[in-house]
Amino acid sequence: MRLGIVFMPLFVLVAACGGGPPPPSDPGTLLLRAKTHVGMPSPKPALLPEFSLYGGGRLLVPGESEGALQVVREKHLDDEAARSVYDAAYDADLDRDEYVPNDVIDGYLLVFTLYGGHQVRASTPERESGGRLEELADFREDLAEVAKGATEAAGTYRPTRLAAIAWASSQHPETSDVRPWPFAPFTGTRHVDGGLCVVVEGEAVREAEKLARSATAGTRWRTAETTWLVVFRPLLPDEKSCADLVVPPQG
């Protein structure tokens, strides 16, 4: 059963059951996010959130990667559509802290974050899961449809901070594409979503973007005696540091 969002060409309607309080209009304030964390056996470090809605209808979603750089697409929802999605999140009971378990081994964690700091975490929700897991899987699909129908913004997203996530360390890489790491070392840094994290800021952001585009996902970066695979991941407006990329606990 769907959670109240009905999609029609060029706009969104919600079968309102109540909705939430008026949302902030600040385009830097997060209203609703859906984020998947993929662990073993096939980790995908520091994936961008699949849906991040901000005040004023600003919508940020993943784009096609460019080399080793994850890309953010900026889109827009009009006031009616943005409020509809926000209200639907309340009608989907996302205005609480909740963990919905599953007995799937080596699954993934889906996290919904709602304005006010509430997080609903679900272990591998699928359409055939039944119950609350199926409801959350449906809502995730609804948000994907919203993102598809949203208007492309005129400009591109220009991050002020870029996270570099290092993982799969090796002292003896099996590739000739090994480059020196030019930024802060990863040793002793915080472990986040799939690896060790450093943040690049200021003028170095544009340099890091250029470097990432010239590399591939398989490029290795050498620091001291170790090489790493590195994912370059723009931080979104509400994300300020590596701490914002830590995987929420299960249970």
C-alpha atoms as a PDB file:
ATOM      1  CA  MET A   1       0.000   0.000   0.000  1.00  0.00           C
ATOM      2  CA  ARG A   2       1.325   3.420  -0.970  1.00  0.00           C
ATOM      3  CA  LEU A   3       1.751   6.121   1.637  1.00  0.00           C
ATOM      4  CA  GLY A   4      -0.494   8.814   0.269  1.00  0.00           C
ATOM      5  CA  ILE A   5       1.514  10.373  -2.583  1.00  0.00           C
ATOM      6  CA  VAL A   6      -0.326  10.281  -5.906  1.00  0.00           C
ATOM      7  CA  PHE A   7       1.747  11.246  -8.964  1.00  0.00           C
ATOM      8  CA  MET A   8       0.329  13.070 -11.955  1.00  0.00           C
ATOM      9  CA  PRO A   9       2.061  14.866 -14.833  1.00  0.00           C
ATOM     10  CA  LEU A  10       4.027  17.926 -13.707  1.00  0.00           C
ATOM     11  CA  PHE A  11       2.751  17.976 -10.130  1.00  0.00           C
ATOM     12  CA  VAL A  12       2.230  15.972  -6.982  1.00  0.00           C
ATOM     13  CA  LEU A  13      -0.902  15.577  -4.902  1.00  0.00           C
ATOM     14  CA  VAL A  14      -1.115  14.192  -1.399  1.00  0.00           C
ATOM     15  CA  ALA A  15      -4.120  12.486   0.087  1.00  0.00           C
ATOM     16  CA  ALA A  16      -3.653  14.488   3.265  1.00  0.00           C
ATOM     17  CA  CYS A  17      -4.118  12.831   6.599  1.00  0.00           C
ATOM     18  CA  GLY A  18      -2.798  15.755   8.600  1.00  0.00           C
ATOM     19  CA  GLY A  19       0.754  16.525   7.571  1.00  0.00           C
ATOM     20  CA  GLY A  20       3.317  18.423   9.603  1.00  0.00           C
ATOM     21  CA  PRO A  21       3.967  21.970  10.820  1.00  0.00           C
ATOM     22  CA  PRO A  22       4.978  24.635   8.285  1.00  0.00           C
ATOM     23  CA  PRO A  23       8.483  23.826   6.975  1.00  0.00           C
ATOM     24  CA  PRO A  24      11.345  26.373   6.930  1.00  0.00           C
ATOM     25  CA  SER A  25      11.988  28.084   3.608  1.00  0.00           C
ATOM     26  CA  ASP A  26      15.774  28.333   4.005  1.00  0.00           C
ATOM     27  CA  PRO A  27      17.399  26.458   1.064  1.00  0.00           C
ATOM     28  CA  GLY A  28      20.155  25.322   3.411  1.00  0.00           C
ATOM     29  CA  THR A  29      17.781  23.661   5.888  1.00  0.00           C
ATOM     30  CA  LEU A  30      17.140  19.970   5.357  1.00  0.00           C
ATOM     31  CA  LEU A  31      13.473  18.958   5.368  1.00  0.00           C
ATOM     32  CA  LEU A  32      13.615  15.308   4.284  1.00  0.00           C
ATOM     33  CA  ARG A  33      16.350  12.884   3.269  1.00  0.00           C
ATOM     34  CA  ALA A  34      16.477   9.262   2.142  1.00  0.00           C
ATOM     35  CA  LYS A  35      19.917   7.645   2.322  1.00  0.00           C
ATOM     36  CA  THR A  36      21.056   4.078   1.720  1.00  0.00           C
ATOM     37  CA  HIS A  37      24.120   2.622   3.434  1.00  0.00           C
ATOM     38  CA  VAL A  38      25.481  -0.504   1.724  1.00  0.00           C
ATOM     39  CA  GLY A  39      27.842  -2.718   3.715  1.00  0.00           C
ATOM     40  CA  MET A  40      29.404  -6.121   3.132  1.00  0.00           C
ATOM     41  CA  PRO A  41      29.882  -8.095   0.971  1.00  0.00           C
ATOM     42  CA  SER A  42      29.833  -5.352  -1.697  1.00  0.00           C
ATOM     43  CA  PRO A  43      30.406  -2.017   0.073  1.00  0.00           C
ATOM     44  CA  LYS A  44      29.653   1.251  -1.675  1.00  0.00           C
ATOM     45  CA  PRO A  45      31.498   3.852   0.400  1.00  0.00           C
ATOM     46  CA  ALA A  46      29.986   7.273   0.987  1.00  0.00           C
ATOM     47  CA  LEU A  47      27.098   7.080  -1.450  1.00  0.00           C
ATOM     48  CA  LEU A  48      25.262  10.354  -1.888  1.00  0.00           C
ATOM     49  CA  PRO A  49      21.765  10.455  -0.385  1.00  0.00           C
ATOM     50  CA  GLU A  50      19.231   9.489  -3.017  1.00  0.00           C
ATOM     51  CA  PHE A  51      16.837  12.272  -1.998  1.00  0.00           C
ATOM     52  CA  SER A  52      17.564  15.495  -0.065  1.00  0.00           C
ATOM     53  CA  LEU A  53      14.787  18.101   0.069  1.00  0.00           C
ATOM     54  CA  TYR A  54      15.597  21.531   1.483  1.00  0.00           C
ATOM     55  CA  GLY A  55      13.564  24.628   2.218  1.00  0.00           C
ATOM     56  CA  GLY A  56      12.121  26.496  -0.737  1.00  0.00           C
ATOM     57  CA  GLY A  57      11.757  23.305  -2.780  1.00  0.00           C
ATOM     58  CA  ARG A  58      15.484  22.815  -3.342  1.00  0.00           C
ATOM     59  CA  LEU A  59      16.116  19.153  -4.189  1.00  0.00           C
ATOM     60  CA  LEU A  60      19.552  17.526  -4.417  1.00  0.00           C
ATOM     61  CA  VAL A  61      19.947  14.050  -5.929  1.00  0.00           C
ATOM     62  CA  PRO A  62      22.880  12.007  -7.275  1.00  0.00           C
ATOM     63  CA  GLY A  63      24.033  12.508 -10.842  1.00  0.00           C
ATOM     64  CA  GLU A  64      26.348  10.483 -13.057  1.00  0.00           C
ATOM     65  CA  SER A  65      29.824  10.171 -11.559  1.00  0.00           C
ATOM     66  CA  GLU A  66      32.682  11.928 -13.345  1.00  0.00           C
ATOM     67  CA  GLY A  67      35.810   9.850 -12.899  1.00  0.00           C
ATOM     68  CA  ALA A  68      36.192   9.278  -9.152  1.00  0.00           C
ATOM     69  CA  LEU A  69      33.957  12.256  -8.333  1.00  0.00           C
ATOM     70  CA  GLN A  70      30.371  11.795  -7.206  1.00  0.00           C
ATOM     71  CA  VAL A  71      28.162  14.462  -8.768  1.00  0.00           C
ATOM     72  CA  VAL A  72      25.155  16.227  -7.263  1.00  0.00           C
ATOM     73  CA  ARG A  73      22.247  17.302  -9.469  1.00  0.00           C
ATOM     74  CA  GLU A  74      20.256  20.279  -8.267  1.00  0.00           C
ATOM     75  CA  LYS A  75      16.513  20.216  -8.986  1.00  0.00           C
ATOM     76  CA  HIS A  76      13.458  22.132  -7.805  1.00  0.00           C
ATOM     77  CA  LEU A  77       9.938  21.443  -6.576  1.00  0.00           C
ATOM     78  CA  ASP A  78       7.313  24.169  -6.572  1.00  0.00           C
ATOM     79  CA  ASP A  79       5.787  25.200  -3.245  1.00  0.00           C
ATOM     80  CA  GLU A  80       2.781  22.890  -3.552  1.00  0.00           C
ATOM     81  CA  ALA A  81       4.819  19.832  -4.492  1.00  0.00           C
ATOM     82  CA  ALA A  82       7.452  20.444  -1.806  1.00  0.00           C
ATOM     83  CA  ARG A  83       4.806  20.849   0.896  1.00  0.00           C
ATOM     84  CA  SER A  84       3.037  17.733  -0.354  1.00  0.00           C
ATOM     85  CA  VAL A  85       6.172  15.628   0.008  1.00  0.00           C
ATOM     86  CA  TYR A  86       6.939  17.118   3.420  1.00  0.00           C
ATOM     87  CA  ASP A  87       3.405  16.424   4.669  1.00  0.00           C
ATOM     88  CA  ALA A  88       3.529  12.911   3.236  1.00  0.00           C
ATOM     89  CA  ALA A  89       6.608  12.234   5.369  1.00  0.00           C
ATOM     90  CA  TYR A  90       4.580  13.044   8.487  1.00  0.00           C
ATOM     91  CA  ASP A  91       1.691  10.924   7.262  1.00  0.00           C
ATOM     92  CA  ALA A  92       4.225   8.108   6.782  1.00  0.00           C
ATOM     93  CA  ASP A  93       5.113   8.418  10.487  1.00  0.00           C
ATOM     94  CA  LEU A  94       8.662   9.616   9.866  1.00  0.00           C
ATOM     95  CA  ASP A  95       8.355  12.199  12.660  1.00  0.00           C
ATOM     96  CA  ARG A  96       9.842   9.825  15.221  1.00  0.00           C
ATOM     97  CA  ASP A  97      12.982   7.837  15.993  1.00  0.00           C
ATOM     98  CA  GLU A  98      12.469   4.247  14.912  1.00  0.00           C
ATOM     99  CA  TYR A  99      14.448   1.190  13.913  1.00  0.00           C
ATOM    100  CA  VAL A 100      12.715  -1.506  11.856  1.00  0.00           C
ATOM    101  CA  PRO A 101      14.725  -4.761  11.894  1.00  0.00           C
ATOM    102  CA  ASN A 102      14.967  -7.491   9.291  1.00  0.00           C
ATOM    103  CA  ASP A 103      16.591 -10.928   9.386  1.00  0.00           C
ATOM    104  CA  VAL A 104      18.328 -10.447   6.024  1.00  0.00           C
ATOM    105  CA  ILE A 105      22.067 -11.200   6.159  1.00  0.00           C
ATOM    106  CA  ASP A 106      24.440  -8.702   4.545  1.00  0.00           C
ATOM    107  CA  GLY A 107      21.635  -6.334   3.612  1.00  0.00           C
ATOM    108  CA  TYR A 108      21.597  -2.549   3.609  1.00  0.00           C
ATOM    109  CA  LEU A 109      20.344   0.196   5.901  1.00  0.00           C
ATOM    110  CA  LEU A 110      17.827   2.769   4.650  1.00  0.00           C
ATOM    111  CA  VAL A 111      17.623   5.942   6.737  1.00  0.00           C
ATOM    112  CA  PHE A 112      14.959   8.642   6.492  1.00  0.00           C
ATOM    113  CA  THR A 113      15.828  11.934   8.200  1.00  0.00           C
ATOM    114  CA  LEU A 114      13.064  14.476   8.834  1.00  0.00           C
ATOM    115  CA  TYR A 115      13.422  18.128   9.843  1.00  0.00           C
ATOM    116  CA  GLY A 116      13.753  18.297  13.601  1.00  0.00           C
ATOM    117  CA  GLY A 117      16.330  15.499  13.766  1.00  0.00           C
ATOM    118  CA  HIS A 118      14.051  12.471  13.609  1.00  0.00           C
ATOM    119  CA  GLN A 119      15.450   9.336  11.962  1.00  0.00           C
ATOM    120  CA  VAL A 120      13.631   6.218  10.845  1.00  0.00           C
ATOM    121  CA  ARG A 121      16.091   3.414  10.092  1.00  0.00           C
ATOM    122  CA  ALA A 122      15.051   0.262   8.264  1.00  0.00           C
ATOM    123  CA  SER A 123      17.055  -2.880   7.561  1.00  0.00           C
ATOM    124  CA  THR A 124      16.737  -3.894   3.891  1.00  0.00           C
ATOM    125  CA  PRO A 125      13.130  -2.812   3.249  1.00  0.00           C
ATOM    126  CA  GLU A 126      11.673  -4.380   0.102  1.00  0.00           C
ATOM    127  CA  ARG A 127       8.295  -4.289  -1.637  1.00  0.00           C
ATOM    128  CA  GLU A 128       7.593  -7.890  -0.632  1.00  0.00           C
ATOM    129  CA  SER A 129       8.727  -7.460   3.004  1.00  0.00           C
ATOM    130  CA  GLY A 130       5.243  -6.785   4.339  1.00  0.00           C
ATOM    131  CA  GLY A 131       4.297  -4.512   7.207  1.00  0.00           C
ATOM    132  CA  ARG A 132       6.336  -1.452   8.091  1.00  0.00           C
ATOM    133  CA  LEU A 133       9.306  -2.494   5.946  1.00  0.00           C
ATOM    134  CA  GLU A 134       7.100  -2.642   2.858  1.00  0.00           C
ATOM    135  CA  GLU A 135       5.565   0.745   3.689  1.00  0.00           C
ATOM    136  CA  LEU A 136       9.012   2.314   3.901  1.00  0.00           C
ATOM    137  CA  ALA A 137      10.081   0.657   0.649  1.00  0.00           C
ATOM    138  CA  ASP A 138       6.983   2.111  -1.006  1.00  0.00           C
ATOM    139  CA  PHE A 139       7.753   5.566   0.332  1.00  0.00           C
ATOM    140  CA  ARG A 140      11.299   5.343  -0.964  1.00  0.00           C
ATOM    141  CA  GLU A 141       9.937   4.533  -4.440  1.00  0.00           C
ATOM    142  CA  ASP A 142       7.530   7.452  -4.180  1.00  0.00           C
ATOM    143  CA  LEU A 143      10.432   9.803  -3.484  1.00  0.00           C
ATOM    144  CA  ALA A 144      12.301   8.418  -6.502  1.00  0.00           C
ATOM    145  CA  GLU A 145       9.295   9.311  -8.675  1.00  0.00           C
ATOM    146  CA  VAL A 146       9.229  12.814  -7.190  1.00  0.00           C
ATOM    147  CA  ALA A 147      12.909  13.252  -8.057  1.00  0.00           C
ATOM    148  CA  LYS A 148      12.353  12.088 -11.639  1.00  0.00           C
ATOM    149  CA  GLY A 149       9.577  14.627 -12.169  1.00  0.00           C
ATOM    150  CA  ALA A 150      11.316  17.577 -10.488  1.00  0.00           C
ATOM    151  CA  THR A 151      12.489  20.531 -12.572  1.00  0.00           C
ATOM    152  CA  GLU A 152      16.204  20.796 -13.296  1.00  0.00           C
ATOM    153  CA  ALA A 153      17.754  23.846 -11.659  1.00  0.00           C
ATOM    154  CA  ALA A 154      19.439  26.442 -13.846  1.00  0.00           C
ATOM    155  CA  GLY A 155      22.872  26.128 -12.227  1.00  0.00           C
ATOM    156  CA  THR A 156      25.026  23.265 -10.998  1.00  0.00           C
ATOM    157  CA  TYR A 157      25.646  22.415  -7.377  1.00  0.00           C
ATOM    158  CA  ARG A 158      28.933  23.939  -6.207  1.00  0.00           C
ATOM    159  CA  PRO A 159      30.008  22.415  -2.891  1.00  0.00           C
ATOM    160  CA  THR A 160      32.044  24.421  -0.411  1.00  0.00           C
ATOM    161  CA  ARG A 161      33.389  21.209   1.139  1.00  0.00           C
ATOM    162  CA  LEU A 162      34.401  17.897  -0.394  1.00  0.00           C
ATOM    163  CA  ALA A 163      34.892  14.653   1.519  1.00  0.00           C
ATOM    164  CA  ALA A 164      37.465  12.112   0.419  1.00  0.00           C
ATOM    165  CA  ILE A 165      36.750   8.586   1.634  1.00  0.00           C
ATOM    166  CA  ALA A 166      39.664   6.134   1.521  1.00  0.00           C
ATOM    167  CA  TRP A 167      39.044   2.405   1.584  1.00  0.00           C
ATOM    168  CA  ALA A 168      40.496  -0.974   0.488  1.00  0.00           C
ATOM    169  CA  SER A 169      44.055  -0.185   1.521  1.00  0.00           C
ATOM    170  CA  SER A 170      46.876  -2.120  -0.139  1.00  0.00           C
ATOM    171  CA  GLN A 171      50.657  -1.968   0.064  1.00  0.00           C
ATOM    172  CA  HIS A 172      51.001  -3.891  -3.197  1.00  0.00           C
ATOM    173  CA  PRO A 173      48.399  -2.567  -5.672  1.00  0.00           C
ATOM    174  CA  GLU A 174      47.640  -4.564  -8.817  1.00  0.00           C
ATOM    175  CA  THR A 175      47.329  -1.464 -10.985  1.00  0.00           C
ATOM    176  CA  SER A 176      49.799   0.945 -12.527  1.00  0.00           C
ATOM    177  CA  ASP A 177      47.427   3.861 -11.924  1.00  0.00           C
ATOM    178  CA  VAL A 178      48.892   4.918  -8.579  1.00  0.00           C
ATOM    179  CA  ARG A 179      49.138   8.619  -7.761  1.00  0.00           C
ATOM    180  CA  PRO A 180      50.514  10.583  -4.806  1.00  0.00           C
ATOM    181  CA  TRP A 181      47.858  11.794  -2.368  1.00  0.00           C
ATOM    182  CA  PRO A 182      48.140  15.620  -2.183  1.00  0.00           C
ATOM    183  CA  PHE A 183      45.844  16.386   0.754  1.00  0.00           C
ATOM    184  CA  ALA A 184      45.753  15.572   4.474  1.00  0.00           C
ATOM    185  CA  PRO A 185      46.707  11.940   5.247  1.00  0.00           C
ATOM    186  CA  PHE A 186      44.029   9.394   6.121  1.00  0.00           C
ATOM    187  CA  THR A 187      45.930   7.770   8.965  1.00  0.00           C
ATOM    188  CA  GLY A 188      44.149   8.270  12.271  1.00  0.00           C
ATOM    189  CA  THR A 189      41.117   9.983  10.714  1.00  0.00           C
ATOM    190  CA  ARG A 190      37.487   9.158  11.391  1.00  0.00           C
ATOM    191  CA  HIS A 191      35.912   5.988   9.996  1.00  0.00           C
ATOM    192  CA  VAL A 192      32.636   6.874   8.300  1.00  0.00           C
ATOM    193  CA  ASP A 193      30.437   5.234   5.653  1.00  0.00           C
ATOM    194  CA  GLY A 194      32.799   2.586   4.315  1.00  0.00           C
ATOM    195  CA  GLY A 195      36.210   4.141   4.916  1.00  0.00           C
ATOM    196  CA  LEU A 196      38.435   6.822   6.433  1.00  0.00           C
ATOM    197  CA  CYS A 197      37.467  10.435   5.861  1.00  0.00           C
ATOM    198  CA  VAL A 198      39.169  13.761   5.309  1.00  0.00           C
ATOM    199  CA  VAL A 199      37.453  16.988   4.253  1.00  0.00           C
ATOM    200  CA  VAL A 200      38.835  19.445   1.711  1.00  0.00           C
ATOM    201  CA  GLU A 201      37.669  23.059   2.032  1.00  0.00           C
ATOM    202  CA  GLY A 202      38.134  26.483   0.485  1.00  0.00           C
ATOM    203  CA  GLU A 203      40.164  26.895  -2.689  1.00  0.00           C
ATOM    204  CA  ALA A 204      41.302  23.274  -2.476  1.00  0.00           C
ATOM    205  CA  VAL A 205      37.764  22.076  -3.344  1.00  0.00           C
ATOM    206  CA  ARG A 206      38.080  23.026  -7.004  1.00  0.00           C
ATOM    207  CA  GLU A 207      41.541  21.421  -7.134  1.00  0.00           C
ATOM    208  CA  ALA A 208      40.156  18.214  -5.610  1.00  0.00           C
ATOM    209  CA  GLU A 209      37.248  18.135  -8.084  1.00  0.00           C
ATOM    210  CA  LYS A 210      39.641  18.484 -11.026  1.00  0.00           C
ATOM    211  CA  LEU A 211      41.878  15.754  -9.625  1.00  0.00           C
ATOM    212  CA  ALA A 212      38.926  13.409  -9.062  1.00  0.00           C
ATOM    213  CA  ARG A 213      37.589  13.903 -12.595  1.00  0.00           C
ATOM    214  CA  SER A 214      40.993  12.962 -14.005  1.00  0.00           C
ATOM    215  CA  ALA A 215      40.988   9.679 -12.047  1.00  0.00           C
ATOM    216  CA  THR A 216      38.803   6.580 -12.062  1.00  0.00           C
ATOM    217  CA  ALA A 217      37.110   4.607  -9.322  1.00  0.00           C
ATOM    218  CA  GLY A 218      40.044   2.166  -9.567  1.00  0.00           C
ATOM    219  CA  THR A 219      42.800   4.769  -9.236  1.00  0.00           C
ATOM    220  CA  ARG A 220      44.944   4.225  -6.161  1.00  0.00           C
ATOM    221  CA  TRP A 221      46.366   7.046  -4.068  1.00  0.00           C
ATOM    222  CA  ARG A 222      49.602   6.585  -2.147  1.00  0.00           C
ATOM    223  CA  THR A 223      50.240   7.898   1.348  1.00  0.00           C
ATOM    224  CA  ALA A 224      53.516   6.718   2.912  1.00  0.00           C
ATOM    225  CA  GLU A 225      53.683   2.940   2.290  1.00  0.00           C
ATOM    226  CA  THR A 226      49.958   2.431   1.682  1.00  0.00           C
ATOM    227  CA  THR A 227      47.669   2.955  -1.302  1.00  0.00           C
ATOM    228  CA  TRP A 228      43.928   3.542  -1.133  1.00  0.00           C
ATOM    229  CA  LEU A 229      40.900   3.623  -3.345  1.00  0.00           C
ATOM    230  CA  VAL A 230      39.292   7.040  -2.830  1.00  0.00           C
ATOM    231  CA  VAL A 231      35.727   8.231  -3.335  1.00  0.00           C
ATOM    232  CA  PHE A 232      35.380  12.013  -3.720  1.00  0.00           C
ATOM    233  CA  ARG A 233      31.995  13.015  -2.323  1.00  0.00           C
ATOM    234  CA  PRO A 234      30.590  16.588  -2.226  1.00  0.00           C
ATOM    235  CA  LEU A 235      29.156  17.556   1.140  1.00  0.00           C
ATOM    236  CA  LEU A 236      25.577  18.813   0.964  1.00  0.00           C
ATOM    237  CA  PRO A 237      24.460  22.132   2.518  1.00  0.00           C
ATOM    238  CA  ASP A 238      23.631  20.623   5.926  1.00  0.00           C
ATOM    239  CA  GLU A 239      26.808  18.509   6.042  1.00  0.00           C
ATOM    240  CA  LYS A 240      29.824  20.198   7.601  1.00  0.00           C
ATOM    241  CA  SER A 241      32.324  17.481   8.484  1.00  0.00           C
ATOM    242  CA  CYS A 242      33.162  13.783   8.389  1.00  0.00           C
ATOM    243  CA  ALA A 243      30.920  13.322  11.432  1.00  0.00           C
ATOM    244  CA  ASP A 244      27.898  13.901   9.182  1.00  0.00           C
ATOM    245  CA  LEU A 245      28.814  10.805   7.131  1.00  0.00           C
ATOM    246  CA  VAL A 246      28.922   8.313   9.985  1.00  0.00           C
ATOM    247  CA  VAL A 247      26.484   5.410   9.525  1.00  0.00           C
ATOM    248  CA  PRO A 248      23.636   5.590  12.073  1.00  0.00           C
ATOM    249  CA  PRO A 249      23.527   2.638  14.466  1.00  0.00           C
ATOM    250  CA  GLN A 250      21.214  -0.280  13.873  1.00  0.00           C
ATOM    251  CA  GLY A 251      18.966  -1.335  16.700  1.00  0.00           C
END
